[in-house]
Amino acid sequence: MKKNIFVILIISVFLILINVNVFAKTLNINVISNKEKVEKNEEVTITIDWQDGMQAADFLLKYDNTRFEFVSMDIEDKFYKVENSKINVAWVSIDNTDKTSIQATFKALKSGKADFNVEIDGGFANADVIMPDDYSINNTKVKVNGISFEEILPIILILVIIIVIIFVVKLKKRNK
């Protein structure tokens, strides 16, 4: 009797362990630009790459819409929505195909630096609908060539201060 209970217990534990799907893993997401610097009106492709094959992805891609204009994505437009300075991506594989990246194309509007950041919304899932426990995200920046107001502002301030100092010194000399 004790032997039968022991065998049943061992078989039960074995069956439980077989059926447990564990994805105790961090999914590494890299936001990659095909160019570090672009000219005004030039296009840049941003790749959101996660390397492990997934069949669902739900995330936000945030960008500076004063510096870049969204052009397109390499997924059907029913899987994303553009709102102000973010793209809500809610992609799911219709044909059971794994995907390891999604690309978005942007057009440069004005000079300066802009961040492209991914923020996890619903997360990612593989074919067994198993989601990672955690996410590691490496975002990117793209510079639009030219001089932006933010870059020239310190120079302008220094020149104004020098002019004011010269004016004050001349005014003091005149009043003596």
N, C-alpha and C. Protein backbone atom coordinates (compact mmCIF):
# COMPACT_ATOMS: atom_id res chain seq x y z
N MET A 1 0.82 -1.19 0.00
CA MET A 1 0.00 0.00 0.00
C MET A 1 0.87 1.26 0.00
N LYS A 2 1.89 1.29 0.88
CA LYS A 2 2.78 2.43 0.94
C LYS A 2 3.53 2.59 -0.38
N LYS A 3 3.87 1.46 -1.00
CA LYS A 3 4.58 1.51 -2.27
C LYS A 3 3.69 2.12 -3.35
N ASN A 4 2.41 1.76 -3.39
CA ASN A 4 1.47 2.31 -4.38
C ASN A 4 1.30 3.82 -4.19
N ILE A 5 1.18 4.27 -2.97
CA ILE A 5 1.03 5.71 -2.70
C ILE A 5 2.29 6.45 -3.14
N PHE A 6 3.44 5.87 -2.85
CA PHE A 6 4.71 6.49 -3.25
C PHE A 6 4.82 6.58 -4.77
N VAL A 7 4.43 5.54 -5.49
CA VAL A 7 4.48 5.54 -6.96
C VAL A 7 3.51 6.58 -7.51
N ILE A 8 2.30 6.65 -6.94
CA ILE A 8 1.30 7.64 -7.39
C ILE A 8 1.82 9.05 -7.14
N LEU A 9 2.44 9.26 -5.99
CA LEU A 9 2.99 10.57 -5.66
C LEU A 9 4.10 10.95 -6.64
N ILE A 10 4.99 10.05 -6.94
CA ILE A 10 6.09 10.31 -7.89
C ILE A 10 5.53 10.61 -9.28
N ILE A 11 4.55 9.82 -9.73
CA ILE A 11 3.94 10.04 -11.05
C ILE A 11 3.24 11.40 -11.09
N SER A 12 2.55 11.76 -10.03
CA SER A 12 1.84 13.05 -9.96
C SER A 12 2.82 14.22 -10.05
N VAL A 13 3.89 14.15 -9.29
CA VAL A 13 4.90 15.21 -9.33
C VAL A 13 5.51 15.30 -10.72
N PHE A 14 5.81 14.17 -11.32
CA PHE A 14 6.38 14.14 -12.67
C PHE A 14 5.41 14.77 -13.67
N LEU A 15 4.12 14.46 -13.61
CA LEU A 15 3.13 15.03 -14.53
C LEU A 15 2.97 16.53 -14.33
N ILE A 16 3.02 16.97 -13.09
CA ILE A 16 2.92 18.41 -12.82
C ILE A 16 4.12 19.13 -13.41
N LEU A 17 5.31 18.57 -13.23
CA LEU A 17 6.51 19.22 -13.76
C LEU A 17 6.52 19.26 -15.28
N ILE A 18 5.97 18.26 -15.92
CA ILE A 18 5.92 18.24 -17.39
C ILE A 18 4.99 19.35 -17.90
N ASN A 19 3.89 19.59 -17.22
CA ASN A 19 2.89 20.55 -17.68
C ASN A 19 3.19 22.00 -17.32
N VAL A 20 4.18 22.24 -16.51
CA VAL A 20 4.50 23.61 -16.12
C VAL A 20 5.38 24.23 -17.20
N ASN A 21 4.85 25.27 -17.85
CA ASN A 21 5.61 26.02 -18.83
C ASN A 21 6.19 27.24 -18.14
N VAL A 22 7.49 27.30 -18.06
CA VAL A 22 8.13 28.41 -17.37
C VAL A 22 8.89 29.26 -18.38
N PHE A 23 8.65 30.55 -18.32
CA PHE A 23 9.38 31.50 -19.15
C PHE A 23 10.02 32.50 -18.20
N ALA A 24 10.74 31.94 -17.22
CA ALA A 24 11.39 32.78 -16.21
C ALA A 24 12.61 33.42 -16.83
N LYS A 25 12.35 34.38 -17.70
CA LYS A 25 13.42 34.96 -18.48
C LYS A 25 13.16 36.44 -18.70
N THR A 26 14.23 37.18 -18.84
CA THR A 26 14.12 38.59 -19.19
C THR A 26 14.19 38.71 -20.71
N LEU A 27 13.21 39.40 -21.28
CA LEU A 27 13.22 39.64 -22.72
C LEU A 27 13.99 40.93 -22.97
N ASN A 28 15.07 40.83 -23.74
CA ASN A 28 15.88 42.00 -24.07
C ASN A 28 15.33 42.67 -25.32
N ILE A 29 14.99 43.94 -25.17
CA ILE A 29 14.43 44.72 -26.28
C ILE A 29 15.42 45.82 -26.61
N ASN A 30 15.82 45.89 -27.87
CA ASN A 30 16.74 46.91 -28.34
C ASN A 30 16.04 47.80 -29.35
N VAL A 31 16.12 49.10 -29.13
CA VAL A 31 15.58 50.07 -30.06
C VAL A 31 16.78 50.57 -30.86
N ILE A 32 16.78 50.26 -32.15
CA ILE A 32 17.96 50.49 -32.99
C ILE A 32 17.61 51.41 -34.15
N SER A 33 18.45 52.41 -34.37
CA SER A 33 18.28 53.31 -35.50
C SER A 33 19.23 52.91 -36.61
N ASN A 34 18.78 53.00 -37.85
CA ASN A 34 19.69 52.68 -38.96
C ASN A 34 20.67 53.82 -39.23
N LYS A 35 20.43 54.99 -38.61
CA LYS A 35 21.35 56.14 -38.74
C LYS A 35 21.39 56.87 -37.41
N GLU A 36 22.59 57.31 -37.02
CA GLU A 36 22.71 58.10 -35.79
C GLU A 36 22.42 59.56 -36.05
N LYS A 37 22.71 60.02 -37.28
CA LYS A 37 22.48 61.41 -37.67
C LYS A 37 21.76 61.43 -39.00
N VAL A 38 20.81 62.33 -39.13
CA VAL A 38 20.07 62.50 -40.38
C VAL A 38 19.97 63.98 -40.70
N GLU A 39 19.67 64.26 -41.94
CA GLU A 39 19.42 65.63 -42.38
C GLU A 39 17.91 65.89 -42.33
N LYS A 40 17.55 67.15 -42.29
CA LYS A 40 16.14 67.52 -42.32
C LYS A 40 15.49 66.93 -43.58
N ASN A 41 14.28 66.40 -43.45
CA ASN A 41 13.49 65.75 -44.50
C ASN A 41 13.99 64.35 -44.87
N GLU A 42 15.06 63.88 -44.24
CA GLU A 42 15.56 62.53 -44.48
C GLU A 42 14.79 61.54 -43.60
N GLU A 43 14.67 60.30 -44.08
CA GLU A 43 13.97 59.27 -43.32
C GLU A 43 14.96 58.43 -42.51
N VAL A 44 14.48 57.95 -41.37
CA VAL A 44 15.26 57.08 -40.50
C VAL A 44 14.36 55.90 -40.13
N THR A 45 14.96 54.71 -40.06
CA THR A 45 14.21 53.52 -39.67
C THR A 45 14.60 53.12 -38.26
N ILE A 46 13.60 52.97 -37.41
CA ILE A 46 13.80 52.55 -36.04
C ILE A 46 13.30 51.11 -35.93
N THR A 47 14.18 50.21 -35.49
CA THR A 47 13.84 48.80 -35.32
C THR A 47 13.69 48.49 -33.84
N ILE A 48 12.56 47.92 -33.49
CA ILE A 48 12.34 47.43 -32.13
C ILE A 48 12.61 45.93 -32.22
N ASP A 49 13.74 45.50 -31.67
CA ASP A 49 14.23 44.14 -31.83
C ASP A 49 14.22 43.42 -30.49
N TRP A 50 13.64 42.21 -30.47
CA TRP A 50 13.62 41.43 -29.22
C TRP A 50 14.19 40.04 -29.40
N GLN A 51 14.71 39.69 -30.53
CA GLN A 51 15.46 38.48 -30.86
C GLN A 51 14.70 37.17 -30.63
N ASP A 52 14.04 36.98 -29.49
CA ASP A 52 13.29 35.74 -29.26
C ASP A 52 11.98 35.79 -30.04
N GLY A 53 11.64 34.70 -30.71
CA GLY A 53 10.42 34.65 -31.49
C GLY A 53 9.18 34.81 -30.62
N MET A 54 8.37 35.79 -30.94
CA MET A 54 7.13 36.05 -30.21
C MET A 54 5.97 36.11 -31.20
N GLN A 55 4.77 35.84 -30.69
CA GLN A 55 3.59 35.92 -31.55
C GLN A 55 2.61 36.99 -31.09
N ALA A 56 3.01 37.77 -30.10
CA ALA A 56 2.20 38.92 -29.68
C ALA A 56 3.13 39.96 -29.06
N ALA A 57 2.86 41.22 -29.35
CA ALA A 57 3.65 42.32 -28.80
C ALA A 57 2.72 43.49 -28.53
N ASP A 58 2.77 44.01 -27.33
CA ASP A 58 1.94 45.15 -26.93
C ASP A 58 2.84 46.14 -26.20
N PHE A 59 3.20 47.23 -26.90
CA PHE A 59 4.12 48.22 -26.33
C PHE A 59 3.84 49.59 -26.93
N LEU A 60 4.47 50.61 -26.34
CA LEU A 60 4.40 51.97 -26.85
C LEU A 60 5.77 52.35 -27.38
N LEU A 61 5.80 53.01 -28.52
CA LEU A 61 7.03 53.60 -29.04
C LEU A 61 6.85 55.10 -28.94
N LYS A 62 7.64 55.73 -28.06
CA LYS A 62 7.54 57.17 -27.84
C LYS A 62 8.66 57.87 -28.61
N TYR A 63 8.31 59.03 -29.20
CA TYR A 63 9.28 59.80 -29.98
C TYR A 63 8.92 61.28 -29.90
N ASP A 64 9.83 62.13 -30.33
CA ASP A 64 9.63 63.57 -30.32
C ASP A 64 8.96 63.97 -31.63
N ASN A 65 7.66 64.26 -31.56
CA ASN A 65 6.94 64.59 -32.80
C ASN A 65 7.17 66.02 -33.27
N THR A 66 7.97 66.79 -32.53
CA THR A 66 8.37 68.10 -33.05
C THR A 66 9.60 67.96 -33.95
N ARG A 67 10.35 66.88 -33.77
CA ARG A 67 11.56 66.65 -34.57
C ARG A 67 11.36 65.58 -35.65
N PHE A 68 10.42 64.65 -35.41
CA PHE A 68 10.19 63.56 -36.36
C PHE A 68 8.71 63.37 -36.62
N GLU A 69 8.41 63.02 -37.86
CA GLU A 69 7.04 62.72 -38.27
C GLU A 69 6.96 61.23 -38.60
N PHE A 70 5.96 60.56 -38.05
CA PHE A 70 5.78 59.13 -38.34
C PHE A 70 5.39 58.96 -39.80
N VAL A 71 6.01 57.97 -40.47
CA VAL A 71 5.72 57.68 -41.88
C VAL A 71 4.99 56.35 -42.03
N SER A 72 5.59 55.26 -41.49
CA SER A 72 4.98 53.93 -41.68
C SER A 72 5.59 52.91 -40.72
N MET A 73 4.95 51.73 -40.70
CA MET A 73 5.47 50.57 -39.95
C MET A 73 5.42 49.36 -40.87
N ASP A 74 6.20 48.35 -40.53
CA ASP A 74 6.23 47.14 -41.36
C ASP A 74 5.18 46.11 -40.92
N ILE A 75 4.18 46.55 -40.16
CA ILE A 75 3.04 45.70 -39.81
C ILE A 75 1.77 46.40 -40.28
N GLU A 76 0.70 45.63 -40.40
CA GLU A 76 -0.56 46.21 -40.86
C GLU A 76 -1.02 47.31 -39.92
N ASP A 77 -1.65 48.34 -40.49
CA ASP A 77 -2.03 49.49 -39.68
C ASP A 77 -3.13 49.19 -38.66
N LYS A 78 -3.78 48.05 -38.76
CA LYS A 78 -4.77 47.69 -37.74
C LYS A 78 -4.09 47.27 -36.43
N PHE A 79 -2.77 47.06 -36.45
CA PHE A 79 -2.03 46.64 -35.27
C PHE A 79 -1.34 47.79 -34.54
N TYR A 80 -1.54 49.03 -35.00
CA TYR A 80 -0.95 50.16 -34.30
C TYR A 80 -1.81 51.40 -34.46
N LYS A 81 -1.62 52.33 -33.53
CA LYS A 81 -2.35 53.59 -33.55
C LYS A 81 -1.38 54.71 -33.17
N VAL A 82 -1.32 55.74 -33.99
CA VAL A 82 -0.42 56.86 -33.75
C VAL A 82 -1.20 57.95 -33.01
N GLU A 83 -0.67 58.36 -31.86
CA GLU A 83 -1.28 59.41 -31.04
C GLU A 83 -0.20 60.37 -30.59
N ASN A 84 -0.28 61.63 -31.04
CA ASN A 84 0.69 62.66 -30.65
C ASN A 84 2.11 62.18 -30.81
N SER A 85 2.80 61.91 -29.72
CA SER A 85 4.21 61.52 -29.79
C SER A 85 4.44 60.07 -29.39
N LYS A 86 3.45 59.22 -29.63
CA LYS A 86 3.63 57.80 -29.33
C LYS A 86 2.83 56.95 -30.31
N ILE A 87 3.33 55.74 -30.46
CA ILE A 87 2.64 54.76 -31.30
C ILE A 87 2.27 53.59 -30.40
N ASN A 88 0.98 53.32 -30.30
CA ASN A 88 0.50 52.17 -29.53
C ASN A 88 0.52 50.96 -30.45
N VAL A 89 1.40 50.01 -30.17
CA VAL A 89 1.50 48.79 -30.97
C VAL A 89 0.84 47.65 -30.20
N ALA A 90 -0.11 46.99 -30.86
CA ALA A 90 -0.77 45.81 -30.29
C ALA A 90 -0.85 44.78 -31.40
N TRP A 91 0.29 44.14 -31.66
CA TRP A 91 0.42 43.19 -32.76
C TRP A 91 0.21 41.76 -32.26
N VAL A 92 -0.46 40.96 -33.07
CA VAL A 92 -0.60 39.53 -32.79
C VAL A 92 -0.47 38.78 -34.11
N SER A 93 0.21 37.65 -34.08
CA SER A 93 0.41 36.86 -35.29
C SER A 93 -0.90 36.21 -35.70
N ILE A 94 -1.29 36.45 -36.93
CA ILE A 94 -2.53 35.85 -37.44
C ILE A 94 -2.24 34.49 -38.06
N ASP A 95 -1.04 34.31 -38.59
CA ASP A 95 -0.70 33.06 -39.29
C ASP A 95 0.29 32.19 -38.50
N ASN A 96 0.34 32.35 -37.19
CA ASN A 96 1.21 31.54 -36.32
C ASN A 96 2.70 31.70 -36.63
N THR A 97 3.09 32.86 -37.11
CA THR A 97 4.49 33.13 -37.44
C THR A 97 5.13 33.94 -36.32
N ASP A 98 6.30 33.48 -35.89
CA ASP A 98 7.04 34.24 -34.88
C ASP A 98 7.63 35.49 -35.52
N LYS A 99 7.71 36.54 -34.72
CA LYS A 99 8.33 37.79 -35.15
C LYS A 99 9.39 38.14 -34.11
N THR A 100 10.50 38.69 -34.57
CA THR A 100 11.58 39.08 -33.66
C THR A 100 11.83 40.58 -33.67
N SER A 101 11.12 41.31 -34.53
CA SER A 101 11.29 42.76 -34.58
C SER A 101 10.14 43.41 -35.33
N ILE A 102 10.01 44.70 -35.10
CA ILE A 102 9.06 45.54 -35.83
C ILE A 102 9.81 46.82 -36.18
N GLN A 103 9.59 47.31 -37.41
CA GLN A 103 10.27 48.53 -37.85
C GLN A 103 9.29 49.66 -38.07
N ALA A 104 9.74 50.87 -37.73
CA ALA A 104 8.96 52.08 -37.96
C ALA A 104 9.85 53.08 -38.70
N THR A 105 9.26 53.81 -39.64
CA THR A 105 10.00 54.80 -40.42
C THR A 105 9.50 56.20 -40.04
N PHE A 106 10.45 57.12 -39.88
CA PHE A 106 10.14 58.50 -39.51
C PHE A 106 10.87 59.45 -40.46
N LYS A 107 10.30 60.65 -40.61
CA LYS A 107 10.91 61.70 -41.42
C LYS A 107 11.38 62.80 -40.48
N ALA A 108 12.63 63.27 -40.66
CA ALA A 108 13.19 64.33 -39.83
C ALA A 108 12.56 65.67 -40.18
N LEU A 109 12.12 66.41 -39.15
CA LEU A 109 11.46 67.69 -39.36
C LEU A 109 12.36 68.89 -39.07
N LYS A 110 13.06 68.85 -37.92
CA LYS A 110 13.92 69.97 -37.56
C LYS A 110 15.11 69.48 -36.75
N SER A 111 16.14 70.33 -36.69
CA SER A 111 17.39 69.92 -36.06
C SER A 111 17.26 69.73 -34.56
N GLY A 112 18.18 68.93 -34.04
CA GLY A 112 18.22 68.62 -32.62
C GLY A 112 18.27 67.12 -32.40
N LYS A 113 18.32 66.72 -31.13
CA LYS A 113 18.34 65.29 -30.78
C LYS A 113 16.96 64.85 -30.34
N ALA A 114 16.65 63.60 -30.65
CA ALA A 114 15.35 63.05 -30.26
C ALA A 114 15.53 61.62 -29.76
N ASP A 115 14.80 61.30 -28.72
CA ASP A 115 14.80 59.95 -28.16
C ASP A 115 13.72 59.11 -28.81
N PHE A 116 14.00 57.83 -28.95
CA PHE A 116 13.01 56.84 -29.35
C PHE A 116 12.99 55.80 -28.23
N ASN A 117 11.90 55.76 -27.49
CA ASN A 117 11.81 54.93 -26.28
C ASN A 117 10.65 53.95 -26.37
N VAL A 118 10.92 52.73 -25.96
CA VAL A 118 9.88 51.71 -25.86
C VAL A 118 9.44 51.61 -24.41
N GLU A 119 8.14 51.55 -24.23
CA GLU A 119 7.55 51.34 -22.91
C GLU A 119 6.59 50.15 -23.03
N ILE A 120 6.76 49.17 -22.16
CA ILE A 120 5.92 47.99 -22.22
C ILE A 120 4.50 48.34 -21.79
N ASP A 121 3.54 47.93 -22.59
CA ASP A 121 2.14 48.17 -22.27
C ASP A 121 1.55 46.85 -21.77
N GLY A 122 1.16 45.98 -22.67
CA GLY A 122 0.64 44.66 -22.27
C GLY A 122 1.71 43.60 -22.19
N GLY A 123 2.79 43.79 -22.96
CA GLY A 123 3.89 42.84 -22.94
C GLY A 123 3.98 42.01 -24.20
N PHE A 124 4.80 40.98 -24.15
CA PHE A 124 5.06 40.08 -25.27
C PHE A 124 4.65 38.67 -24.87
N ALA A 125 4.31 37.84 -25.85
CA ALA A 125 3.96 36.45 -25.56
C ALA A 125 4.39 35.57 -26.72
N ASN A 126 4.81 34.35 -26.39
CA ASN A 126 5.20 33.41 -27.43
C ASN A 126 3.98 32.62 -27.91
N ALA A 127 4.20 31.59 -28.72
CA ALA A 127 3.10 30.81 -29.30
C ALA A 127 2.26 30.10 -28.24
N ASP A 128 2.86 29.80 -27.09
CA ASP A 128 2.12 29.14 -26.00
C ASP A 128 1.49 30.16 -25.05
N VAL A 129 1.48 31.42 -25.46
CA VAL A 129 0.94 32.54 -24.68
C VAL A 129 1.65 32.65 -23.32
N ILE A 130 2.93 32.40 -23.34
CA ILE A 130 3.76 32.54 -22.15
C ILE A 130 4.53 33.84 -22.28
N MET A 131 4.46 34.65 -21.23
CA MET A 131 5.07 35.97 -21.24
C MET A 131 6.36 35.98 -20.42
N PRO A 132 7.31 36.82 -20.80
CA PRO A 132 8.54 36.96 -20.00
C PRO A 132 8.21 37.51 -18.61
N ASP A 133 9.09 37.21 -17.66
CA ASP A 133 8.92 37.74 -16.30
C ASP A 133 9.34 39.20 -16.21
N ASP A 134 10.30 39.59 -17.06
CA ASP A 134 10.84 40.93 -16.98
C ASP A 134 11.31 41.37 -18.36
N TYR A 135 11.55 42.68 -18.49
CA TYR A 135 12.01 43.24 -19.75
C TYR A 135 13.23 44.14 -19.51
N SER A 136 14.19 44.05 -20.40
CA SER A 136 15.35 44.94 -20.39
C SER A 136 15.28 45.72 -21.70
N ILE A 137 15.23 47.06 -21.59
CA ILE A 137 15.02 47.89 -22.78
C ILE A 137 16.22 48.82 -22.98
N ASN A 138 16.80 48.78 -24.18
CA ASN A 138 17.88 49.69 -24.57
C ASN A 138 17.34 50.63 -25.63
N ASN A 139 17.08 51.88 -25.25
CA ASN A 139 16.50 52.86 -26.16
C ASN A 139 17.59 53.53 -26.99
N THR A 140 17.20 54.42 -27.90
CA THR A 140 18.17 55.07 -28.78
C THR A 140 17.83 56.54 -28.97
N LYS A 141 18.81 57.29 -29.53
CA LYS A 141 18.65 58.70 -29.88
C LYS A 141 19.06 58.88 -31.33
N VAL A 142 18.46 59.87 -31.97
CA VAL A 142 18.84 60.23 -33.33
C VAL A 142 19.00 61.74 -33.37
N LYS A 143 20.06 62.21 -34.02
CA LYS A 143 20.30 63.64 -34.15
C LYS A 143 19.97 64.08 -35.57
N VAL A 144 19.20 65.16 -35.65
CA VAL A 144 18.93 65.78 -36.94
C VAL A 144 19.95 66.90 -37.08
N ASN A 145 20.76 66.82 -38.13
CA ASN A 145 21.84 67.79 -38.32
C ASN A 145 21.30 69.20 -38.49
N GLY A 146 22.15 70.14 -38.14
CA GLY A 146 21.77 71.55 -38.14
C GLY A 146 21.91 72.06 -36.73
N ILE A 147 21.74 73.33 -36.57
CA ILE A 147 21.84 73.92 -35.24
C ILE A 147 20.44 74.18 -34.73
N SER A 148 20.16 73.62 -33.59
CA SER A 148 18.85 73.83 -32.99
C SER A 148 18.92 75.00 -32.02
N PHE A 149 17.79 75.55 -31.66
CA PHE A 149 17.73 76.66 -30.72
C PHE A 149 18.33 76.25 -29.38
N GLU A 150 18.08 75.01 -28.95
CA GLU A 150 18.60 74.52 -27.67
C GLU A 150 20.13 74.49 -27.68
N GLU A 151 20.72 74.23 -28.83
CA GLU A 151 22.18 74.16 -28.93
C GLU A 151 22.82 75.56 -28.96
N ILE A 152 22.11 76.51 -29.54
CA ILE A 152 22.67 77.85 -29.69
C ILE A 152 22.31 78.77 -28.52
N LEU A 153 21.34 78.41 -27.72
CA LEU A 153 20.89 79.24 -26.60
C LEU A 153 22.02 79.59 -25.63
N PRO A 154 22.85 78.64 -25.20
CA PRO A 154 23.95 79.04 -24.28
C PRO A 154 24.89 80.07 -24.89
N ILE A 155 25.16 79.96 -26.17
CA ILE A 155 26.04 80.92 -26.85
C ILE A 155 25.39 82.30 -26.87
N ILE A 156 24.11 82.34 -27.16
CA ILE A 156 23.37 83.61 -27.18
C ILE A 156 23.39 84.25 -25.79
N LEU A 157 23.16 83.44 -24.77
CA LEU A 157 23.16 83.96 -23.39
C LEU A 157 24.53 84.53 -23.02
N ILE A 158 25.59 83.85 -23.37
CA ILE A 158 26.94 84.33 -23.07
C ILE A 158 27.20 85.66 -23.79
N LEU A 159 26.82 85.76 -25.06
CA LEU A 159 27.01 87.00 -25.81
C LEU A 159 26.21 88.15 -25.20
N VAL A 160 24.98 87.88 -24.80
CA VAL A 160 24.15 88.91 -24.17
C VAL A 160 24.79 89.38 -22.86
N ILE A 161 25.29 88.46 -22.06
CA ILE A 161 25.94 88.81 -20.80
C ILE A 161 27.19 89.67 -21.06
N ILE A 162 27.98 89.31 -22.05
CA ILE A 162 29.19 90.08 -22.39
C ILE A 162 28.80 91.48 -22.85
N ILE A 163 27.77 91.58 -23.67
CA ILE A 163 27.32 92.90 -24.15
C ILE A 163 26.82 93.76 -22.99
N VAL A 164 26.07 93.16 -22.07
CA VAL A 164 25.57 93.89 -20.91
C VAL A 164 26.73 94.36 -20.04
N ILE A 165 27.72 93.50 -19.82
CA ILE A 165 28.89 93.88 -19.02
C ILE A 165 29.63 95.05 -19.68
N ILE A 166 29.84 94.97 -20.96
CA ILE A 166 30.52 96.05 -21.69
C ILE A 166 29.72 97.34 -21.57
N PHE A 167 28.43 97.26 -21.75
CA PHE A 167 27.55 98.43 -21.65
C PHE A 167 27.62 99.05 -20.25
N VAL A 168 27.56 98.21 -19.21
CA VAL A 168 27.61 98.69 -17.82
C VAL A 168 28.96 99.34 -17.54
N VAL A 169 30.06 98.74 -17.98
CA VAL A 169 31.40 99.31 -17.77
C VAL A 169 31.52 100.66 -18.46
N LYS A 170 31.05 100.78 -19.69
CA LYS A 170 31.11 102.05 -20.43
C LYS A 170 30.23 103.09 -19.75
N LEU A 171 29.10 102.70 -19.26
CA LEU A 171 28.18 103.61 -18.59
C LEU A 171 28.81 104.14 -17.29
N LYS A 172 29.48 103.28 -16.54
CA LYS A 172 30.17 103.69 -15.30
C LYS A 172 31.31 104.67 -15.61
N LYS A 173 32.06 104.42 -16.67
CA LYS A 173 33.17 105.30 -17.05
C LYS A 173 32.62 106.67 -17.46
N ARG A 174 31.52 106.68 -18.13
CA ARG A 174 30.91 107.92 -18.60
C ARG A 174 30.39 108.74 -17.41
N ASN A 175 29.89 108.10 -16.39
CA ASN A 175 29.32 108.79 -15.23
C ASN A 175 30.40 109.30 -14.27
N LYS A 176 31.63 108.96 -14.42
CA LYS A 176 32.71 109.41 -13.53
C LYS A 176 33.13 110.78 -13.80
